[in-house]
Structure formats: C-alpha cells, structure tokens
N, C-alpha and C. Protein backbone atom coordinates (compact mmCIF):
# COMPACT_ATOMS: atom_id res chain seq x y z
N MET A 1 -17.35 13.38 -5.56
CA MET A 1 -16.16 12.63 -5.20
C MET A 1 -15.36 13.34 -4.11
N LYS A 2 -15.53 14.63 -4.02
CA LYS A 2 -14.75 15.40 -3.05
C LYS A 2 -14.93 14.87 -1.62
N ASP A 3 -16.10 14.31 -1.33
CA ASP A 3 -16.36 13.76 0.00
C ASP A 3 -15.48 12.56 0.33
N TYR A 4 -14.94 11.89 -0.69
CA TYR A 4 -14.18 10.66 -0.48
C TYR A 4 -12.68 10.84 -0.64
N ILE A 5 -12.26 11.90 -1.29
CA ILE A 5 -10.86 12.07 -1.68
C ILE A 5 -9.89 11.97 -0.50
N LEU A 6 -10.19 12.66 0.59
CA LEU A 6 -9.25 12.68 1.71
C LEU A 6 -9.29 11.40 2.55
N LEU A 7 -10.18 10.48 2.22
CA LEU A 7 -10.20 9.20 2.93
C LEU A 7 -9.01 8.32 2.55
N LEU A 8 -8.45 8.51 1.36
CA LEU A 8 -7.32 7.68 0.94
C LEU A 8 -6.16 7.77 1.92
N PRO A 9 -5.62 8.95 2.22
CA PRO A 9 -4.49 8.96 3.16
C PRO A 9 -4.88 8.51 4.57
N ILE A 10 -6.11 8.77 4.97
CA ILE A 10 -6.55 8.36 6.31
C ILE A 10 -6.62 6.84 6.41
N ILE A 11 -7.25 6.20 5.45
CA ILE A 11 -7.37 4.73 5.46
C ILE A 11 -6.00 4.09 5.29
N PHE A 12 -5.17 4.67 4.42
CA PHE A 12 -3.82 4.14 4.21
C PHE A 12 -3.03 4.13 5.52
N ILE A 13 -3.03 5.25 6.24
CA ILE A 13 -2.27 5.32 7.49
C ILE A 13 -2.85 4.36 8.53
N PHE A 14 -4.16 4.29 8.63
CA PHE A 14 -4.80 3.34 9.55
C PHE A 14 -4.29 1.93 9.26
N HIS A 15 -4.28 1.54 8.00
CA HIS A 15 -3.84 0.20 7.61
C HIS A 15 -2.34 0.01 7.84
N ASP A 16 -1.55 0.94 7.40
CA ASP A 16 -0.09 0.75 7.45
C ASP A 16 0.48 0.84 8.86
N MET A 17 -0.25 1.45 9.79
CA MET A 17 0.22 1.44 11.18
C MET A 17 0.29 0.01 11.71
N GLU A 18 -0.64 -0.83 11.32
CA GLU A 18 -0.59 -2.23 11.74
C GLU A 18 0.67 -2.89 11.20
N GLU A 19 1.04 -2.58 9.97
CA GLU A 19 2.26 -3.14 9.38
C GLU A 19 3.49 -2.63 10.12
N ILE A 20 3.59 -1.32 10.30
CA ILE A 20 4.77 -0.74 10.94
C ILE A 20 4.95 -1.30 12.35
N ILE A 21 3.87 -1.35 13.10
CA ILE A 21 3.94 -1.80 14.48
C ILE A 21 4.20 -3.30 14.59
N GLY A 22 3.62 -4.08 13.68
CA GLY A 22 3.63 -5.53 13.87
C GLY A 22 4.67 -6.35 13.14
N PHE A 23 5.21 -5.87 12.03
CA PHE A 23 6.04 -6.76 11.21
C PHE A 23 7.35 -7.17 11.86
N GLU A 24 8.08 -6.28 12.50
CA GLU A 24 9.36 -6.69 13.09
C GLU A 24 9.13 -7.77 14.15
N TRP A 25 8.12 -7.56 15.00
CA TRP A 25 7.76 -8.56 16.00
C TRP A 25 7.37 -9.87 15.32
N PHE A 26 6.57 -9.78 14.27
CA PHE A 26 6.09 -10.96 13.56
C PHE A 26 7.26 -11.77 12.99
N PHE A 27 8.22 -11.11 12.37
CA PHE A 27 9.35 -11.83 11.77
C PHE A 27 10.25 -12.45 12.84
N LYS A 28 10.41 -11.77 13.97
CA LYS A 28 11.21 -12.33 15.06
C LYS A 28 10.52 -13.54 15.68
N LYS A 29 9.19 -13.48 15.74
CA LYS A 29 8.43 -14.58 16.34
C LYS A 29 8.31 -15.77 15.39
N ASN A 30 8.44 -15.55 14.09
CA ASN A 30 8.24 -16.60 13.09
C ASN A 30 9.44 -16.74 12.14
N PRO A 31 10.63 -17.01 12.67
CA PRO A 31 11.80 -17.11 11.78
C PRO A 31 11.71 -18.28 10.80
N ASP A 32 10.88 -19.27 11.12
CA ASP A 32 10.71 -20.42 10.23
C ASP A 32 10.12 -20.03 8.87
N LEU A 33 9.46 -18.88 8.79
CA LEU A 33 8.86 -18.46 7.53
C LEU A 33 9.91 -18.22 6.45
N PHE A 34 11.11 -17.81 6.86
CA PHE A 34 12.18 -17.55 5.89
C PHE A 34 12.63 -18.85 5.21
N ASP A 35 12.52 -19.97 5.92
CA ASP A 35 12.86 -21.27 5.33
C ASP A 35 11.66 -21.87 4.58
N ARG A 36 10.46 -21.70 5.13
CA ARG A 36 9.25 -22.26 4.51
C ARG A 36 8.87 -21.57 3.21
N PHE A 37 9.08 -20.25 3.13
CA PHE A 37 8.68 -19.46 1.97
C PHE A 37 9.83 -18.56 1.52
N PRO A 38 10.92 -19.15 1.06
CA PRO A 38 12.12 -18.35 0.76
C PRO A 38 11.91 -17.28 -0.31
N LYS A 39 11.14 -17.57 -1.33
CA LYS A 39 10.93 -16.57 -2.40
C LYS A 39 10.12 -15.38 -1.90
N VAL A 40 9.06 -15.65 -1.18
CA VAL A 40 8.21 -14.58 -0.66
C VAL A 40 8.96 -13.80 0.41
N MET A 41 9.64 -14.49 1.28
CA MET A 41 10.28 -13.85 2.43
C MET A 41 11.60 -13.16 2.09
N LYS A 42 12.13 -13.42 0.90
CA LYS A 42 13.37 -12.75 0.49
C LYS A 42 13.23 -11.23 0.60
N ALA A 43 12.06 -10.73 0.31
CA ALA A 43 11.82 -9.29 0.37
C ALA A 43 11.88 -8.73 1.79
N TYR A 44 11.88 -9.60 2.80
CA TYR A 44 11.82 -9.12 4.18
C TYR A 44 13.06 -9.48 5.00
N ARG A 45 14.10 -9.99 4.38
CA ARG A 45 15.35 -10.25 5.12
C ARG A 45 15.93 -8.92 5.58
N GLY A 46 16.41 -8.87 6.80
CA GLY A 46 17.01 -7.66 7.34
C GLY A 46 16.00 -6.58 7.66
N PHE A 47 14.76 -6.96 7.78
CA PHE A 47 13.67 -6.03 8.02
C PHE A 47 13.85 -5.30 9.34
N THR A 48 13.55 -4.00 9.36
CA THR A 48 13.49 -3.22 10.60
C THR A 48 12.24 -2.35 10.58
N THR A 49 11.78 -2.00 11.75
CA THR A 49 10.62 -1.12 11.85
C THR A 49 10.93 0.24 11.23
N ALA A 50 12.13 0.75 11.46
CA ALA A 50 12.50 2.05 10.90
C ALA A 50 12.51 2.01 9.36
N GLY A 51 13.01 0.94 8.79
CA GLY A 51 13.00 0.79 7.34
C GLY A 51 11.58 0.72 6.79
N MET A 52 10.74 0.00 7.50
CA MET A 52 9.34 -0.11 7.09
C MET A 52 8.65 1.25 7.17
N ALA A 53 8.92 1.99 8.24
CA ALA A 53 8.32 3.32 8.39
C ALA A 53 8.75 4.23 7.24
N LEU A 54 10.01 4.14 6.84
CA LEU A 54 10.49 4.94 5.71
C LEU A 54 9.77 4.55 4.42
N ALA A 55 9.59 3.26 4.19
CA ALA A 55 8.88 2.80 2.99
C ALA A 55 7.42 3.28 3.01
N VAL A 56 6.78 3.21 4.16
CA VAL A 56 5.39 3.67 4.28
C VAL A 56 5.32 5.17 4.02
N TYR A 57 6.27 5.90 4.54
CA TYR A 57 6.29 7.35 4.31
C TYR A 57 6.44 7.66 2.82
N GLU A 58 7.31 6.92 2.15
CA GLU A 58 7.50 7.12 0.71
C GLU A 58 6.21 6.83 -0.05
N GLU A 59 5.48 5.81 0.35
CA GLU A 59 4.21 5.49 -0.29
C GLU A 59 3.14 6.54 0.03
N PHE A 60 3.20 7.06 1.23
CA PHE A 60 2.21 8.04 1.69
C PHE A 60 2.27 9.34 0.87
N ILE A 61 3.44 9.72 0.43
CA ILE A 61 3.63 10.99 -0.28
C ILE A 61 2.68 11.11 -1.49
N PRO A 62 2.67 10.15 -2.42
CA PRO A 62 1.71 10.32 -3.53
C PRO A 62 0.25 10.21 -3.09
N PHE A 63 -0.03 9.37 -2.09
CA PHE A 63 -1.41 9.26 -1.60
C PHE A 63 -1.90 10.60 -1.07
N PHE A 64 -1.11 11.18 -0.20
CA PHE A 64 -1.50 12.43 0.43
C PHE A 64 -1.43 13.60 -0.56
N GLY A 65 -0.34 13.66 -1.31
CA GLY A 65 -0.16 14.76 -2.26
C GLY A 65 -1.26 14.81 -3.30
N LEU A 66 -1.52 13.69 -3.93
CA LEU A 66 -2.57 13.68 -4.95
C LEU A 66 -3.94 13.94 -4.34
N SER A 67 -4.18 13.39 -3.16
CA SER A 67 -5.48 13.62 -2.52
C SER A 67 -5.70 15.11 -2.24
N LEU A 68 -4.67 15.80 -1.77
CA LEU A 68 -4.81 17.24 -1.53
C LEU A 68 -5.05 18.01 -2.83
N ILE A 69 -4.28 17.69 -3.84
CA ILE A 69 -4.43 18.38 -5.13
C ILE A 69 -5.83 18.12 -5.70
N ALA A 70 -6.27 16.86 -5.68
CA ALA A 70 -7.59 16.52 -6.22
C ALA A 70 -8.71 17.14 -5.39
N TYR A 71 -8.49 17.29 -4.10
CA TYR A 71 -9.50 17.89 -3.23
C TYR A 71 -9.67 19.39 -3.53
N TYR A 72 -8.55 20.08 -3.64
CA TYR A 72 -8.60 21.54 -3.82
C TYR A 72 -8.75 21.98 -5.28
N PHE A 73 -8.39 21.12 -6.21
CA PHE A 73 -8.49 21.46 -7.64
C PHE A 73 -9.20 20.33 -8.37
N PRO A 74 -10.47 20.08 -8.04
CA PRO A 74 -11.16 18.93 -8.63
C PRO A 74 -11.32 19.05 -10.14
N CYS A 75 -11.00 17.97 -10.81
CA CYS A 75 -11.24 17.86 -12.25
C CYS A 75 -11.28 16.37 -12.60
N SER A 76 -11.81 16.05 -13.73
CA SER A 76 -12.02 14.64 -14.08
C SER A 76 -10.71 13.86 -14.18
N ILE A 77 -9.65 14.49 -14.67
CA ILE A 77 -8.37 13.78 -14.80
C ILE A 77 -7.78 13.48 -13.42
N LEU A 78 -7.77 14.46 -12.53
CA LEU A 78 -7.26 14.21 -11.18
C LEU A 78 -8.12 13.17 -10.45
N ASN A 79 -9.43 13.24 -10.64
CA ASN A 79 -10.30 12.22 -10.03
C ASN A 79 -9.98 10.83 -10.55
N ALA A 80 -9.70 10.73 -11.84
CA ALA A 80 -9.36 9.43 -12.43
C ALA A 80 -8.03 8.91 -11.89
N ILE A 81 -7.04 9.80 -11.79
CA ILE A 81 -5.75 9.39 -11.22
C ILE A 81 -5.94 8.95 -9.78
N TRP A 82 -6.70 9.72 -9.01
CA TRP A 82 -6.97 9.37 -7.62
C TRP A 82 -7.65 7.99 -7.54
N LEU A 83 -8.64 7.76 -8.41
CA LEU A 83 -9.34 6.48 -8.38
C LEU A 83 -8.39 5.33 -8.70
N GLY A 84 -7.51 5.53 -9.67
CA GLY A 84 -6.53 4.49 -9.99
C GLY A 84 -5.64 4.16 -8.80
N ILE A 85 -5.21 5.18 -8.09
CA ILE A 85 -4.38 4.96 -6.90
C ILE A 85 -5.20 4.29 -5.80
N PHE A 86 -6.44 4.70 -5.63
CA PHE A 86 -7.29 4.08 -4.61
C PHE A 86 -7.56 2.61 -4.94
N ILE A 87 -7.77 2.32 -6.22
CA ILE A 87 -7.97 0.92 -6.64
C ILE A 87 -6.71 0.10 -6.36
N SER A 88 -5.53 0.67 -6.61
CA SER A 88 -4.28 -0.07 -6.34
C SER A 88 -4.14 -0.33 -4.85
N PHE A 89 -4.50 0.63 -4.02
CA PHE A 89 -4.44 0.42 -2.57
C PHE A 89 -5.42 -0.67 -2.16
N THR A 90 -6.60 -0.67 -2.76
CA THR A 90 -7.60 -1.71 -2.46
C THR A 90 -7.09 -3.08 -2.86
N ALA A 91 -6.44 -3.18 -4.02
CA ALA A 91 -5.85 -4.46 -4.45
C ALA A 91 -4.78 -4.92 -3.47
N HIS A 92 -4.04 -3.97 -2.92
CA HIS A 92 -3.00 -4.25 -1.92
C HIS A 92 -3.61 -4.94 -0.69
N LEU A 93 -4.82 -4.57 -0.32
CA LEU A 93 -5.48 -5.21 0.82
C LEU A 93 -5.76 -6.68 0.53
N PHE A 94 -6.19 -6.98 -0.70
CA PHE A 94 -6.41 -8.38 -1.09
C PHE A 94 -5.12 -9.19 -0.98
N VAL A 95 -3.99 -8.59 -1.34
CA VAL A 95 -2.70 -9.28 -1.26
C VAL A 95 -2.40 -9.65 0.19
N HIS A 96 -2.63 -8.73 1.12
CA HIS A 96 -2.37 -9.03 2.53
C HIS A 96 -3.27 -10.15 3.04
N ILE A 97 -4.51 -10.15 2.66
CA ILE A 97 -5.41 -11.23 3.06
C ILE A 97 -4.92 -12.55 2.47
N GLY A 98 -4.48 -12.50 1.22
CA GLY A 98 -3.92 -13.69 0.57
C GLY A 98 -2.68 -14.22 1.30
N HIS A 99 -1.80 -13.32 1.77
CA HIS A 99 -0.62 -13.75 2.51
C HIS A 99 -1.02 -14.52 3.77
N THR A 100 -1.99 -13.99 4.49
CA THR A 100 -2.44 -14.64 5.72
C THR A 100 -3.02 -16.02 5.42
N LEU A 101 -3.83 -16.11 4.40
CA LEU A 101 -4.41 -17.41 4.04
C LEU A 101 -3.34 -18.38 3.55
N TYR A 102 -2.37 -17.88 2.80
CA TYR A 102 -1.32 -18.72 2.23
C TYR A 102 -0.43 -19.34 3.31
N ILE A 103 0.00 -18.53 4.28
CA ILE A 103 0.89 -19.08 5.31
C ILE A 103 0.12 -19.63 6.52
N ARG A 104 -1.17 -19.39 6.55
CA ARG A 104 -2.05 -19.91 7.60
C ARG A 104 -1.65 -19.43 8.99
N LYS A 105 -1.26 -18.16 9.04
CA LYS A 105 -0.94 -17.48 10.29
C LYS A 105 -1.36 -16.04 10.15
N TYR A 106 -1.66 -15.42 11.30
CA TYR A 106 -1.92 -13.99 11.28
C TYR A 106 -0.68 -13.26 10.77
N VAL A 107 -0.87 -12.37 9.83
CA VAL A 107 0.19 -11.52 9.31
C VAL A 107 -0.21 -10.08 9.63
N PRO A 108 0.68 -9.30 10.26
CA PRO A 108 0.32 -7.91 10.52
C PRO A 108 -0.09 -7.21 9.22
N SER A 109 -1.23 -6.67 9.21
CA SER A 109 -1.91 -6.03 8.08
C SER A 109 -3.22 -6.74 7.77
N PHE A 110 -3.40 -7.93 8.31
CA PHE A 110 -4.61 -8.70 8.03
C PHE A 110 -5.85 -8.06 8.65
N ILE A 111 -5.76 -7.66 9.91
CA ILE A 111 -6.94 -7.13 10.60
C ILE A 111 -7.43 -5.85 9.92
N THR A 112 -6.51 -4.92 9.65
CA THR A 112 -6.94 -3.68 9.02
C THR A 112 -7.34 -3.90 7.56
N SER A 113 -6.78 -4.93 6.92
CA SER A 113 -7.23 -5.25 5.56
C SER A 113 -8.69 -5.70 5.57
N ILE A 114 -9.03 -6.55 6.53
CA ILE A 114 -10.41 -7.02 6.66
C ILE A 114 -11.36 -5.86 6.97
N ILE A 115 -10.91 -4.94 7.83
CA ILE A 115 -11.74 -3.78 8.19
C ILE A 115 -11.89 -2.84 6.99
N CYS A 116 -10.78 -2.56 6.31
CA CYS A 116 -10.77 -1.54 5.25
C CYS A 116 -11.35 -2.03 3.92
N LEU A 117 -11.25 -3.32 3.65
CA LEU A 117 -11.65 -3.82 2.33
C LEU A 117 -13.09 -3.49 1.96
N PRO A 118 -14.09 -3.78 2.80
CA PRO A 118 -15.46 -3.43 2.40
C PRO A 118 -15.67 -1.92 2.24
N ILE A 119 -15.00 -1.15 3.09
CA ILE A 119 -15.09 0.31 2.99
C ILE A 119 -14.49 0.76 1.65
N ASN A 120 -13.31 0.25 1.33
CA ASN A 120 -12.64 0.63 0.08
C ASN A 120 -13.47 0.23 -1.14
N ILE A 121 -14.01 -0.97 -1.11
CA ILE A 121 -14.82 -1.42 -2.25
C ILE A 121 -16.02 -0.50 -2.43
N ALA A 122 -16.67 -0.14 -1.33
CA ALA A 122 -17.81 0.78 -1.41
C ALA A 122 -17.39 2.13 -1.98
N ILE A 123 -16.24 2.63 -1.55
CA ILE A 123 -15.75 3.92 -2.06
C ILE A 123 -15.43 3.82 -3.54
N VAL A 124 -14.79 2.74 -3.97
CA VAL A 124 -14.48 2.57 -5.40
C VAL A 124 -15.76 2.59 -6.22
N PHE A 125 -16.76 1.82 -5.80
CA PHE A 125 -18.01 1.79 -6.57
C PHE A 125 -18.73 3.14 -6.55
N LYS A 126 -18.75 3.78 -5.40
CA LYS A 126 -19.41 5.08 -5.31
C LYS A 126 -18.71 6.11 -6.19
N CYS A 127 -17.40 6.18 -6.11
CA CYS A 127 -16.66 7.16 -6.92
C CYS A 127 -16.74 6.83 -8.41
N ALA A 128 -16.70 5.56 -8.74
CA ALA A 128 -16.83 5.17 -10.15
C ALA A 128 -18.21 5.56 -10.67
N SER A 129 -19.23 5.47 -9.83
CA SER A 129 -20.58 5.84 -10.28
C SER A 129 -20.72 7.35 -10.48
N LEU A 130 -19.85 8.12 -9.86
CA LEU A 130 -19.89 9.58 -9.98
C LEU A 130 -19.08 10.09 -11.18
N MET A 131 -18.29 9.21 -11.77
CA MET A 131 -17.41 9.64 -12.86
C MET A 131 -18.04 9.38 -14.23
N THR A 132 -17.60 10.17 -15.19
CA THR A 132 -17.91 9.91 -16.59
C THR A 132 -16.64 9.33 -17.19
N PHE A 133 -16.73 8.12 -17.69
CA PHE A 133 -15.54 7.45 -18.19
C PHE A 133 -15.33 7.79 -19.66
N THR A 134 -14.12 8.24 -19.92
CA THR A 134 -13.67 8.53 -21.29
C THR A 134 -12.38 7.74 -21.49
N ALA A 135 -11.88 7.76 -22.71
CA ALA A 135 -10.60 7.09 -22.98
C ALA A 135 -9.50 7.70 -22.12
N ALA A 136 -9.54 9.03 -21.96
CA ALA A 136 -8.52 9.71 -21.15
C ALA A 136 -8.62 9.30 -19.68
N SER A 137 -9.82 9.25 -19.13
CA SER A 137 -9.96 8.91 -17.71
C SER A 137 -9.58 7.45 -17.46
N ILE A 138 -9.96 6.57 -18.36
CA ILE A 138 -9.59 5.16 -18.22
C ILE A 138 -8.07 5.00 -18.31
N SER A 139 -7.45 5.74 -19.21
CA SER A 139 -5.98 5.71 -19.33
C SER A 139 -5.32 6.22 -18.05
N CYS A 140 -5.89 7.27 -17.46
CA CYS A 140 -5.34 7.82 -16.20
C CYS A 140 -5.49 6.84 -15.05
N ILE A 141 -6.61 6.15 -14.98
CA ILE A 141 -6.81 5.15 -13.93
C ILE A 141 -5.78 4.04 -14.07
N PHE A 142 -5.60 3.55 -15.29
CA PHE A 142 -4.64 2.48 -15.55
C PHE A 142 -3.21 2.95 -15.26
N ALA A 143 -2.85 4.15 -15.71
CA ALA A 143 -1.51 4.69 -15.49
C ALA A 143 -1.23 4.87 -13.99
N ALA A 144 -2.21 5.35 -13.24
CA ALA A 144 -2.04 5.54 -11.80
C ALA A 144 -1.86 4.20 -11.10
N PHE A 145 -2.61 3.20 -11.53
CA PHE A 145 -2.47 1.86 -10.97
C PHE A 145 -1.05 1.34 -11.22
N LEU A 146 -0.57 1.47 -12.45
CA LEU A 146 0.79 1.02 -12.78
C LEU A 146 1.84 1.82 -12.01
N PHE A 147 1.62 3.13 -11.87
CA PHE A 147 2.54 3.96 -11.10
C PHE A 147 2.68 3.44 -9.68
N MET A 148 1.56 3.06 -9.07
CA MET A 148 1.61 2.60 -7.68
C MET A 148 2.31 1.25 -7.56
N ILE A 149 2.22 0.41 -8.57
CA ILE A 149 2.98 -0.86 -8.56
C ILE A 149 4.48 -0.54 -8.57
N VAL A 150 4.87 0.36 -9.45
CA VAL A 150 6.28 0.77 -9.52
C VAL A 150 6.69 1.45 -8.21
N ASN A 151 5.82 2.30 -7.67
CA ASN A 151 6.13 3.00 -6.43
C ASN A 151 6.29 2.03 -5.26
N LEU A 152 5.51 0.97 -5.23
CA LEU A 152 5.65 -0.03 -4.18
C LEU A 152 7.02 -0.68 -4.26
N ARG A 153 7.46 -0.96 -5.47
CA ARG A 153 8.81 -1.54 -5.67
C ARG A 153 9.88 -0.55 -5.20
N ILE A 154 9.71 0.72 -5.51
CA ILE A 154 10.66 1.74 -5.05
C ILE A 154 10.67 1.80 -3.53
N ALA A 155 9.51 1.74 -2.91
CA ALA A 155 9.43 1.78 -1.44
C ALA A 155 10.17 0.59 -0.84
N HIS A 156 10.01 -0.60 -1.42
CA HIS A 156 10.71 -1.78 -0.92
C HIS A 156 12.22 -1.63 -1.09
N CYS A 157 12.65 -1.11 -2.24
CA CYS A 157 14.09 -0.88 -2.46
C CYS A 157 14.64 0.12 -1.46
N LEU A 158 13.89 1.16 -1.20
CA LEU A 158 14.30 2.17 -0.23
C LEU A 158 14.41 1.56 1.16
N MET A 159 13.45 0.71 1.52
CA MET A 159 13.48 0.03 2.81
C MET A 159 14.74 -0.83 2.93
N HIS A 160 15.03 -1.61 1.89
CA HIS A 160 16.21 -2.48 1.93
C HIS A 160 17.50 -1.67 1.99
N TYR A 161 17.57 -0.60 1.23
CA TYR A 161 18.75 0.26 1.25
C TYR A 161 18.96 0.84 2.64
N PHE A 162 17.90 1.36 3.23
CA PHE A 162 17.97 1.94 4.57
C PHE A 162 18.38 0.88 5.59
N ASN A 163 17.76 -0.30 5.52
CA ASN A 163 18.08 -1.37 6.46
C ASN A 163 19.54 -1.78 6.35
N LYS A 164 20.03 -1.88 5.12
CA LYS A 164 21.41 -2.27 4.90
C LYS A 164 22.38 -1.21 5.43
N LYS A 165 22.08 0.04 5.16
CA LYS A 165 22.96 1.13 5.61
C LYS A 165 22.96 1.28 7.13
N THR A 166 21.82 1.09 7.76
CA THR A 166 21.75 1.28 9.21
C THR A 166 22.21 0.06 9.99
N SER A 167 22.22 -1.12 9.34
CA SER A 167 22.68 -2.31 10.06
C SER A 167 24.18 -2.47 9.96
N GLY A 168 24.80 -1.81 8.99
CA GLY A 168 26.24 -1.93 8.81
C GLY A 168 26.65 -3.21 8.11
N LYS A 169 25.68 -3.97 7.64
CA LYS A 169 25.96 -5.24 6.96
C LYS A 169 25.64 -5.10 5.49
N GLU A 170 26.38 -5.75 4.67
CA GLU A 170 26.08 -5.82 3.24
C GLU A 170 25.14 -6.98 3.02
N LYS A 171 24.17 -6.79 2.16
CA LYS A 171 23.21 -7.84 1.85
C LYS A 171 23.87 -8.90 0.98
N ALA A 172 23.65 -10.18 1.31
CA ALA A 172 24.25 -11.27 0.54
C ALA A 172 23.54 -11.49 -0.76
C-alpha cells in the first residue's frame, strides 16, 4: 500500500485546483443557477476564490497529514483510516459528476473528476486487495469516511465564515 499512500494528496490537489480556479468564474457566468437550484446553490452564495482556497486547504490537512503518517509508520489501522478517507474522496468525485449531469452544464471539477475517477477506483481496489479486513479495520474505514463527511461540512462553514468576514456583509 505504501506505493499508493502519497497519491491521495497529489490527486486531491490536482482535482481541487480546477475547483479553486473555476468556481468564482462559473458562478459569475451562471447567476441563473441560484434561482433554478436554490437549495443546492444556497451553499455557494457569497462565494469567493479565497474562501474556496481556505476550505480546500482545511480539507488538505487531514489528507496530507494522514498520508505522511501512514507512509512513514505503516500499520493496518492507519492503512484502513487512509483507505476510508480515499474512498470518501472518490465518492466526492461522483458527486461532482452528478452535479454536472443534474444542471446540464459544465461545472468546475467535472473534468478532473472524470480523469481521477478511474484512477481512484483502481487504487481503492488495489489497496483493498492488499489489506486484511478485520472488525477493527472495517470500523476504521467507516469512521474515516464519516470523519471526512463532517470535515467537508466544516470546510464549507469555514469558507462561508471567511467570505462573510472579508466581504463586510452579514449573511441573510
């Protein structure tokens, strides 16, 4: 598994650069999306590139930190936690593809999701084939997956807080 561990932060940054670079432009070019999809787009009101970069950085910390720890101190529990986080990132790619199909427009993150998805799936299967699954490892995979869902919510809250503070406007 050691051969794959450091791919998580590399693939994550490759993917998220498309988001950081493209989303502010995308929202300015498609303001109608806020009226067409108010529930989905509520999360992106007041969006800024700087806020998005901060959210990506916050998400990157566990990806990079755990990858380094698992790389230098390999053990079955760290490998299981890493796999759970990698699976959550892979699921995240499916969500981006779903967004593009749902709104029927290119959404920044779609291209790198299409590129990364087959690679990620291959890595998940390869790493899973190298692991011995126990109740503890399965619990760690599940816990890491849940942690990343919570962490994504924290990243979004951080982005909104930053955007609100730097814009000088209170969110309605």
